[in-house]
C-alpha atoms as a PDB file:
ATOM      1  CA  MET A   1     166.300   2.473  56.872  1.00  0.00           C
ATOM      2  CA  LEU A   2     169.319   4.978  56.456  1.00  0.00           C
ATOM      3  CA  SER A   3     168.440   8.317  54.347  1.00  0.00           C
ATOM      4  CA  ALA A   4     170.839  10.427  52.333  1.00  0.00           C
ATOM      5  CA  THR A   5     171.391  13.991  52.580  1.00  0.00           C
ATOM      6  CA  ALA A   6     173.291  16.246  50.550  1.00  0.00           C
ATOM      7  CA  MET A   7     176.735  17.481  52.013  1.00  0.00           C
ATOM      8  CA  ASP A   8     178.882  20.254  51.373  1.00  0.00           C
ATOM      9  CA  PRO A   9     182.500  18.733  50.069  1.00  0.00           C
ATOM     10  CA  ALA A  10     184.127  21.031  52.432  1.00  0.00           C
ATOM     11  CA  SER A  11     182.612  19.491  55.623  1.00  0.00           C
ATOM     12  CA  ALA A  12     182.879  15.882  54.319  1.00  0.00           C
ATOM     13  CA  THR A  13     185.296  13.646  56.668  1.00  0.00           C
ATOM     14  CA  ASP A  14     187.174  10.581  56.095  1.00  0.00           C
ATOM     15  CA  ALA A  15     185.041   8.870  58.639  1.00  0.00           C
ATOM     16  CA  PRO A  16     183.628   5.359  57.922  1.00  0.00           C
ATOM     17  CA  PRO A  17     179.587   5.377  57.340  1.00  0.00           C
ATOM     18  CA  ALA A  18     177.690   4.642  60.322  1.00  0.00           C
ATOM     19  CA  VAL A  19     176.833   0.583  61.276  1.00  0.00           C
ATOM     20  CA  VAL A  20     173.111   0.463  61.812  1.00  0.00           C
ATOM     21  CA  GLU A  21     171.675  -3.016  62.853  1.00  0.00           C
ATOM     22  CA  VAL A  22     168.749  -3.297  60.964  1.00  0.00           C
ATOM     23  CA  MET A  23     167.078  -6.695  62.077  1.00  0.00           C
ATOM     24  CA  GLU A  24     167.678  -9.245  64.879  1.00  0.00           C
ATOM     25  CA  HIS A  25     166.396 -12.582  65.967  1.00  0.00           C
ATOM     26  CA  LEU A  26     167.146 -14.563  69.034  1.00  0.00           C
ATOM     27  CA  CYS A  27     166.430 -18.304  69.293  1.00  0.00           C
ATOM     28  CA  PRO A  28     167.304 -20.566  72.388  1.00  0.00           C
ATOM     29  CA  VAL A  29     169.343 -23.737  71.635  1.00  0.00           C
ATOM     30  CA  PRO A  30     167.953 -26.791  73.608  1.00  0.00           C
ATOM     31  CA  HIS A  31     170.823 -29.010  74.339  1.00  0.00           C
ATOM     32  CA  ILE A  32     169.599 -32.282  72.434  1.00  0.00           C
ATOM     33  CA  PRO A  33     171.181 -33.428  68.992  1.00  0.00           C
ATOM     34  CA  GLU A  34     167.389 -33.317  67.023  1.00  0.00           C
ATOM     35  CA  VAL A  35     167.254 -29.327  67.880  1.00  0.00           C
ATOM     36  CA  VAL A  36     169.527 -28.717  64.896  1.00  0.00           C
ATOM     37  CA  SER A  37     167.521 -29.305  62.293  1.00  0.00           C
ATOM     38  CA  ALA A  38     164.391 -27.531  64.318  1.00  0.00           C
ATOM     39  CA  VAL A  39     166.848 -24.522  64.625  1.00  0.00           C
ATOM     40  CA  ARG A  40     167.886 -24.724  60.782  1.00  0.00           C
ATOM     41  CA  ARG A  41     164.027 -24.804  59.816  1.00  0.00           C
ATOM     42  CA  ARG A  42     163.356 -21.579  61.960  1.00  0.00           C
ATOM     43  CA  ALA A  43     166.499 -19.701  60.778  1.00  0.00           C
ATOM     44  CA  ARG A  44     165.171 -20.439  57.315  1.00  0.00           C
ATOM     45  CA  TRP A  45     161.828 -18.714  58.011  1.00  0.00           C
ATOM     46  CA  VAL A  46     163.730 -15.784  59.436  1.00  0.00           C
ATOM     47  CA  LEU A  47     166.437 -15.159  56.206  1.00  0.00           C
ATOM     48  CA  THR A  48     163.356 -15.620  54.190  1.00  0.00           C
ATOM     49  CA  THR A  49     161.198 -12.987  55.762  1.00  0.00           C
ATOM     50  CA  TRP A  50     164.569 -10.657  55.764  1.00  0.00           C
ATOM     51  CA  ALA A  51     164.750 -11.213  51.991  1.00  0.00           C
ATOM     52  CA  ILE A  52     168.206 -12.423  52.417  1.00  0.00           C
ATOM     53  CA  PRO A  53     169.372 -13.656  48.813  1.00  0.00           C
ATOM     54  CA  ALA A  54     168.878 -17.197  48.286  1.00  0.00           C
ATOM     55  CA  GLU A  55     172.532 -18.088  48.022  1.00  0.00           C
ATOM     56  CA  THR A  56     173.603 -16.521  51.476  1.00  0.00           C
ATOM     57  CA  ALA A  57     170.623 -18.113  52.972  1.00  0.00           C
ATOM     58  CA  ASP A  58     172.009 -21.168  51.705  1.00  0.00           C
ATOM     59  CA  ASP A  59     175.483 -20.561  53.192  1.00  0.00           C
ATOM     60  CA  ALA A  60     174.261 -19.302  56.517  1.00  0.00           C
ATOM     61  CA  LEU A  61     172.135 -22.218  57.135  1.00  0.00           C
ATOM     62  CA  VAL A  62     175.203 -24.619  56.687  1.00  0.00           C
ATOM     63  CA  VAL A  63     177.033 -22.253  59.075  1.00  0.00           C
ATOM     64  CA  ILE A  64     173.980 -22.043  61.896  1.00  0.00           C
ATOM     65  CA  SER A  65     174.063 -25.921  61.363  1.00  0.00           C
ATOM     66  CA  GLU A  66     177.766 -26.139  62.271  1.00  0.00           C
ATOM     67  CA  LEU A  67     178.084 -23.663  65.238  1.00  0.00           C
ATOM     68  CA  THR A  68     174.846 -24.948  66.811  1.00  0.00           C
ATOM     69  CA  THR A  69     176.149 -28.678  66.309  1.00  0.00           C
ATOM     70  CA  ASN A  70     179.427 -27.457  68.081  1.00  0.00           C
ATOM     71  CA  ALA A  71     177.397 -25.819  70.840  1.00  0.00           C
ATOM     72  CA  VAL A  72     175.273 -28.934  71.536  1.00  0.00           C
ATOM     73  CA  VAL A  73     177.987 -31.732  71.063  1.00  0.00           C
ATOM     74  CA  HIS A  74     181.022 -29.835  72.754  1.00  0.00           C
ATOM     75  CA  ALA A  75     179.578 -26.960  75.240  1.00  0.00           C
ATOM     76  CA  LEU A  76     177.909 -26.515  78.315  1.00  0.00           C
ATOM     77  CA  PRO A  77     174.143 -25.128  78.138  1.00  0.00           C
ATOM     78  CA  PRO A  78     172.236 -22.859  77.733  1.00  0.00           C
ATOM     79  CA  ALA A  79     172.830 -21.933  73.962  1.00  0.00           C
ATOM     80  CA  MET A  80     171.653 -19.271  72.222  1.00  0.00           C
ATOM     81  CA  LEU A  81     171.515 -18.515  68.258  1.00  0.00           C
ATOM     82  CA  ARG A  82     171.509 -14.599  67.290  1.00  0.00           C
ATOM     83  CA  LEU A  83     170.889 -13.653  63.906  1.00  0.00           C
ATOM     84  CA  SER A  84     171.360  -9.973  62.820  1.00  0.00           C
ATOM     85  CA  VAL A  85     171.676  -7.668  59.961  1.00  0.00           C
ATOM     86  CA  THR A  86     173.785  -4.454  59.760  1.00  0.00           C
ATOM     87  CA  ASP A  87     173.920  -1.873  57.308  1.00  0.00           C
ATOM     88  CA  HIS A  88     177.449  -0.346  56.693  1.00  0.00           C
ATOM     89  CA  GLY A  89     176.831   2.379  54.353  1.00  0.00           C
ATOM     90  CA  GLY A  90     174.390   0.548  52.090  1.00  0.00           C
ATOM     91  CA  ARG A  91     176.117  -3.106  52.359  1.00  0.00           C
ATOM     92  CA  ARG A  92     174.189  -5.548  54.334  1.00  0.00           C
ATOM     93  CA  THR A  93     176.042  -7.949  56.161  1.00  0.00           C
ATOM     94  CA  LEU A  94     174.298 -11.003  57.737  1.00  0.00           C
ATOM     95  CA  ARG A  95     176.034 -12.050  61.336  1.00  0.00           C
ATOM     96  CA  VAL A  96     175.467 -15.439  62.898  1.00  0.00           C
ATOM     97  CA  GLU A  97     176.547 -15.943  66.486  1.00  0.00           C
ATOM     98  CA  VAL A  98     176.046 -19.096  68.689  1.00  0.00           C
ATOM     99  CA  THR A  99     176.904 -18.488  72.246  1.00  0.00           C
ATOM    100  CA  ASP A 100     177.317 -20.932  74.909  1.00  0.00           C
ATOM    101  CA  THR A 101     178.570 -21.476  78.470  1.00  0.00           C
ATOM    102  CA  GLY A 102     182.112 -22.812  77.644  1.00  0.00           C
ATOM    103  CA  ALA A 103     183.474 -26.397  76.608  1.00  0.00           C
ATOM    104  CA  ALA A 104     181.938 -29.484  78.288  1.00  0.00           C
ATOM    105  CA  PRO A 105     184.423 -31.553  80.640  1.00  0.00           C
ATOM    106  CA  HIS A 106     184.164 -33.948  77.486  1.00  0.00           C
ATOM    107  CA  ALA A 107     184.638 -31.738  74.458  1.00  0.00           C
ATOM    108  CA  HIS A 108     187.915 -33.461  73.281  1.00  0.00           C
ATOM    109  CA  ARG A 109     186.716 -37.131  73.537  1.00  0.00           C
ATOM    110  CA  PRO A 110     185.120 -38.675  70.485  1.00  0.00           C
ATOM    111  CA  ILE A 111     181.525 -38.675  70.162  1.00  0.00           C
ATOM    112  CA  GLU A 112     179.799 -41.668  70.619  1.00  0.00           C
ATOM    113  CA  GLY A 113     178.508 -43.345  67.320  1.00  0.00           C
ATOM    114  CA  MET A 114     180.525 -40.803  64.940  1.00  0.00           C
ATOM    115  CA  ARG A 115     183.368 -41.786  63.097  1.00  0.00           C
ATOM    116  CA  PRO A 116     186.810 -40.091  63.620  1.00  0.00           C
ATOM    117  CA  GLU A 117     186.527 -38.563  59.816  1.00  0.00           C
ATOM    118  CA  GLU A 118     183.235 -37.055  60.361  1.00  0.00           C
ATOM    119  CA  CYS A 119     184.313 -34.601  63.265  1.00  0.00           C
ATOM    120  CA  GLY A 120     186.623 -31.918  63.141  1.00  0.00           C
ATOM    121  CA  ARG A 121     185.445 -30.167  59.892  1.00  0.00           C
ATOM    122  CA  GLY A 122     183.081 -27.402  61.328  1.00  0.00           C
ATOM    123  CA  LEU A 123     184.932 -24.575  61.648  1.00  0.00           C
ATOM    124  CA  GLY A 124     186.899 -24.994  58.325  1.00  0.00           C
ATOM    125  CA  ILE A 125     183.268 -25.160  56.677  1.00  0.00           C
ATOM    126  CA  VAL A 126     182.353 -21.791  58.540  1.00  0.00           C
ATOM    127  CA  ALA A 127     185.510 -20.208  57.512  1.00  0.00           C
ATOM    128  CA  ALA A 128     185.215 -21.359  53.932  1.00  0.00           C
ATOM    129  CA  LEU A 129     181.376 -19.966  53.693  1.00  0.00           C
ATOM    130  CA  SER A 130     181.959 -16.674  55.212  1.00  0.00           C
ATOM    131  CA  ALA A 131     183.555 -13.330  54.803  1.00  0.00           C
ATOM    132  CA  ARG A 132     184.634 -13.055  58.445  1.00  0.00           C
ATOM    133  CA  HIS A 133     184.387 -15.311  61.513  1.00  0.00           C
ATOM    134  CA  GLY A 134     185.767 -15.686  65.088  1.00  0.00           C
ATOM    135  CA  ILE A 135     185.397 -16.535  68.505  1.00  0.00           C
ATOM    136  CA  ARG A 136     184.951 -14.117  71.407  1.00  0.00           C
ATOM    137  CA  SER A 137     185.067 -15.056  75.145  1.00  0.00           C
ATOM    138  CA  ARG A 138     183.419 -13.183  78.094  1.00  0.00           C
ATOM    139  CA  GLY A 139     184.172 -15.029  81.332  1.00  0.00           C
ATOM    140  CA  PRO A 140     182.347 -18.729  80.718  1.00  0.00           C
ATOM    141  CA  ALA A 141     180.408 -17.665  77.799  1.00  0.00           C
ATOM    142  CA  VAL A 142     182.023 -18.425  74.433  1.00  0.00           C
ATOM    143  CA  THR A 143     180.467 -17.172  70.986  1.00  0.00           C
ATOM    144  CA  HIS A 144     181.431 -18.368  67.820  1.00  0.00           C
ATOM    145  CA  TRP A 145     180.467 -15.825  65.231  1.00  0.00           C
ATOM    146  CA  ALA A 146     180.413 -15.482  61.368  1.00  0.00           C
ATOM    147  CA  GLU A 147     179.562 -12.701  58.784  1.00  0.00           C
ATOM    148  CA  LEU A 148     178.331 -13.331  55.467  1.00  0.00           C
ATOM    149  CA  PRO A 149     177.432 -10.695  52.767  1.00  0.00           C
ATOM    150  CA  ALA A 150     173.613 -10.162  52.474  1.00  0.00           C
ATOM    151  CA  VAL A 151     173.680  -7.645  49.407  1.00  0.00           C
END
């Protein structure tokens, strides 16, 4: 936890408060469709343990489901879920990241057994539920991330 100290106003700067990572959890994501519900159950336990507010946890579980599903269905294995909580000067943020090793050769083909209207909404849902979100690429690895306030 961060501690506060008295500060001489003459020595104060406009520097932003330090970002401190408070907690982190890594969860491998096996490349099978039924893993999404198992990852969601594990994530719920972690978020409860971290005392993430229920509304934030519910939104985070939807984000985790969407990003995990995308990695399993559209990307090459292996995939990894990373949950972390940071403290930005007293404001906690939950960050959800799913990293895979890039698009699978069939990434743009329809998914067997799914109707077209059931596909393509996941990242829009992530955008609607998160304060910030994005994609980071490093070599073949692709990380989809989202941040939610965890006050």
